[in-house]
């Protein structure tokens, strides 16, 4: 993304799981991993790796931000309460999980409309391919994109995290 995009990206509002409004600027100075998540997907076990990253790097200025999405074969059908309960009881999730959103199409959340401009390691941008697509937003505003099959603890992802931890 361009150097002047981070301010706009950081100012895009989204809704927390309890209905409040938040922006990425609420996490200024942190390295963020923004992920569209789902409870009934073959990739759902990635929650375990996401939580491990949160526990490993959380005290060093890193956080995962989970955005439930039901756009891919209805794999996140539950209510917000059901989603939060599943995350905490099944995977012990401690990172923030936000209101369910759409990531593709005309009604895509504004945050995802902006994130999808980022290119993956192969140079492709555009629609989110599936659940568990990962966007790492560095404190300087750079966006690194990793497609769903790339696990959260993949060496390429860990390198971006290690190279960009704020402290």
Protein backbone atom coordinates (compact mmCIF):
# COMPACT_ATOMS: atom_id res chain seq x y z
CA UNK A 1 0.00 0.00 0.00
CA UNK A 2 1.14 3.56 -0.51
CA UNK A 3 2.79 5.55 2.27
CA UNK A 4 -0.24 7.85 2.69
CA UNK A 5 -2.72 4.92 2.85
CA UNK A 6 -1.98 3.89 6.47
CA UNK A 7 -3.69 6.94 7.97
CA UNK A 8 -6.84 6.26 5.99
CA UNK A 9 -6.66 2.51 6.71
CA UNK A 10 -6.15 3.13 10.41
CA UNK A 11 -9.17 5.47 10.53
CA UNK A 12 -11.74 3.11 8.96
CA UNK A 13 -14.39 2.28 11.58
CA UNK A 14 -15.57 -1.23 12.35
CA UNK A 15 -17.73 -2.72 15.09
CA UNK A 16 -16.57 -4.60 18.16
CA UNK A 17 -18.32 -7.76 19.35
CA UNK A 18 -20.26 -5.69 21.90
CA UNK A 19 -21.45 -3.11 19.36
CA UNK A 20 -18.94 -0.31 19.99
CA UNK A 21 -17.05 1.41 17.18
CA UNK A 22 -13.30 0.90 16.85
CA UNK A 23 -10.56 1.65 14.32
CA UNK A 24 -7.08 0.28 13.75
CA UNK A 25 -5.75 3.54 15.21
CA UNK A 26 -6.93 2.14 18.56
CA UNK A 27 -3.95 -0.20 18.13
CA UNK A 28 -1.40 2.43 17.05
CA UNK A 29 2.19 1.33 17.47
CA UNK A 30 1.27 -2.36 17.33
CA UNK A 31 1.92 -5.00 14.72
CA UNK A 32 -1.54 -6.32 13.74
CA UNK A 33 -2.60 -9.58 12.15
CA UNK A 34 -6.08 -9.08 10.72
CA UNK A 35 -7.82 -12.37 9.88
CA UNK A 36 -11.28 -13.31 8.61
CA UNK A 37 -12.22 -16.29 10.75
CA UNK A 38 -14.86 -19.04 10.71
CA UNK A 39 -15.88 -21.74 13.17
CA UNK A 40 -16.91 -24.51 10.76
CA UNK A 41 -14.10 -24.45 8.19
CA UNK A 42 -11.38 -26.95 7.42
CA UNK A 43 -8.94 -24.17 8.32
CA UNK A 44 -10.58 -23.45 11.72
CA UNK A 45 -7.68 -25.19 13.55
CA UNK A 46 -5.61 -22.13 12.56
CA UNK A 47 -7.25 -20.51 15.61
CA UNK A 48 -4.78 -22.55 17.68
CA UNK A 49 -1.78 -21.05 15.86
CA UNK A 50 -3.30 -17.56 15.96
CA UNK A 51 -3.71 -17.83 19.72
CA UNK A 52 -0.16 -19.16 20.08
CA UNK A 53 1.13 -16.11 18.19
CA UNK A 54 -0.94 -13.87 20.46
CA UNK A 55 0.52 -15.50 23.57
CA UNK A 56 4.08 -15.48 22.21
CA UNK A 57 4.21 -11.93 20.87
CA UNK A 58 1.34 -10.11 22.61
CA UNK A 59 3.55 -8.52 25.25
CA UNK A 60 5.90 -7.31 22.51
CA UNK A 61 3.38 -5.11 20.69
CA UNK A 62 1.58 -7.68 18.50
CA UNK A 63 -2.09 -8.57 18.37
CA UNK A 64 -4.39 -10.68 16.26
CA UNK A 65 -7.73 -9.13 15.26
CA UNK A 66 -10.36 -11.69 14.26
CA UNK A 67 -13.25 -10.81 11.95
CA UNK A 68 -15.85 -13.60 11.65
CA UNK A 69 -17.20 -14.01 8.12
CA UNK A 70 -19.99 -16.23 6.82
CA UNK A 71 -19.39 -15.61 3.09
CA UNK A 72 -17.60 -18.87 2.33
CA UNK A 73 -20.09 -21.76 2.22
CA UNK A 74 -21.85 -20.53 5.38
CA UNK A 75 -18.98 -21.62 7.61
CA UNK A 76 -19.64 -18.98 10.30
CA UNK A 77 -23.42 -19.22 10.82
CA UNK A 78 -23.58 -18.53 14.56
CA UNK A 79 -24.60 -15.47 16.51
CA UNK A 80 -21.89 -13.23 17.94
CA UNK A 81 -22.39 -14.86 21.36
CA UNK A 82 -22.02 -18.35 19.84
CA UNK A 83 -18.88 -17.30 17.96
CA UNK A 84 -17.25 -15.82 21.07
CA UNK A 85 -18.16 -18.88 23.13
CA UNK A 86 -16.73 -21.22 20.48
CA UNK A 87 -13.49 -19.21 20.28
CA UNK A 88 -12.94 -19.14 24.03
CA UNK A 89 -14.01 -22.69 24.90
CA UNK A 90 -12.54 -24.50 21.89
CA UNK A 91 -9.32 -22.55 21.32
CA UNK A 92 -8.88 -20.37 24.42
CA UNK A 93 -8.86 -17.25 22.23
CA UNK A 94 -7.70 -14.13 24.08
CA UNK A 95 -7.32 -11.80 21.08
CA UNK A 96 -10.17 -9.48 20.05
CA UNK A 97 -12.91 -10.93 17.86
CA UNK A 98 -15.09 -8.33 16.18
CA UNK A 99 -18.60 -8.24 14.72
CA UNK A 100 -19.30 -10.59 11.81
CA UNK A 101 -18.56 -8.92 8.46
CA UNK A 102 -18.47 -9.47 4.73
CA UNK A 103 -15.02 -9.39 3.14
CA UNK A 104 -15.93 -9.55 -0.55
CA UNK A 105 -18.54 -8.06 -2.85
CA UNK A 106 -20.49 -4.84 -2.90
CA UNK A 107 -21.26 -5.04 0.82
CA UNK A 108 -17.72 -5.81 1.94
CA UNK A 109 -16.64 -4.06 5.11
CA UNK A 110 -14.71 -0.86 4.34
CA UNK A 111 -11.68 -2.19 6.23
CA UNK A 112 -11.53 -5.20 3.92
CA UNK A 113 -12.13 -3.09 0.82
CA UNK A 114 -8.91 -1.29 1.76
CA UNK A 115 -6.95 -4.38 2.84
CA UNK A 116 -7.68 -6.23 -0.41
CA UNK A 117 -5.52 -3.72 -2.29
CA UNK A 118 -2.46 -5.32 -0.68
CA UNK A 119 -0.61 -7.92 -2.72
CA UNK A 120 0.27 -11.42 -1.58
CA UNK A 121 3.83 -12.82 -1.98
CA UNK A 122 3.02 -13.77 -5.60
CA UNK A 123 1.98 -10.19 -6.38
CA UNK A 124 -1.78 -10.84 -6.56
CA UNK A 125 -4.36 -8.62 -4.89
CA UNK A 126 -8.15 -8.55 -5.03
CA UNK A 127 -10.83 -10.65 -3.34
CA UNK A 128 -10.23 -12.62 -0.19
CA UNK A 129 -9.84 -16.23 -1.32
CA UNK A 130 -11.37 -18.00 1.69
CA UNK A 131 -11.54 -18.01 5.48
CA UNK A 132 -8.32 -17.31 7.39
CA UNK A 133 -6.70 -14.91 4.93
CA UNK A 134 -4.11 -13.00 6.93
CA UNK A 135 -3.09 -9.34 6.64
CA UNK A 136 -0.15 -8.17 8.74
CA UNK A 137 -0.19 -4.40 9.25
CA UNK A 138 3.16 -3.15 10.51
CA UNK A 139 3.45 -0.11 12.78
CA UNK A 140 4.79 1.88 9.79
CA UNK A 141 1.65 1.05 7.78
CA UNK A 142 2.97 -1.64 5.45
CA UNK A 143 0.50 -4.46 4.71
CA UNK A 144 1.74 -8.02 4.14
CA UNK A 145 -0.87 -10.46 2.80
CA UNK A 146 -0.91 -14.22 3.25
CA UNK A 147 -3.53 -16.45 1.64
CA UNK A 148 -5.62 -18.92 3.68
CA UNK A 149 -3.50 -22.07 3.21
CA UNK A 150 -0.49 -20.25 4.69
CA UNK A 151 -0.56 -21.15 8.37
CA UNK A 152 -0.15 -18.38 10.94
CA UNK A 153 3.12 -19.96 12.12
CA UNK A 154 4.56 -20.38 8.60
CA UNK A 155 8.22 -19.27 8.49
CA UNK A 156 7.39 -16.44 6.04
CA UNK A 157 4.73 -15.09 8.41
CA UNK A 158 7.01 -15.44 11.44
CA UNK A 159 9.75 -13.54 9.62
CA UNK A 160 7.42 -10.59 8.99
CA UNK A 161 6.35 -10.67 12.64
CA UNK A 162 9.90 -10.90 14.01
CA UNK A 163 11.16 -8.18 11.65
CA UNK A 164 8.37 -5.76 12.60
CA UNK A 165 7.72 -6.15 16.32
CA UNK A 166 7.60 -2.65 17.78
CA UNK A 167 9.47 -3.58 20.96
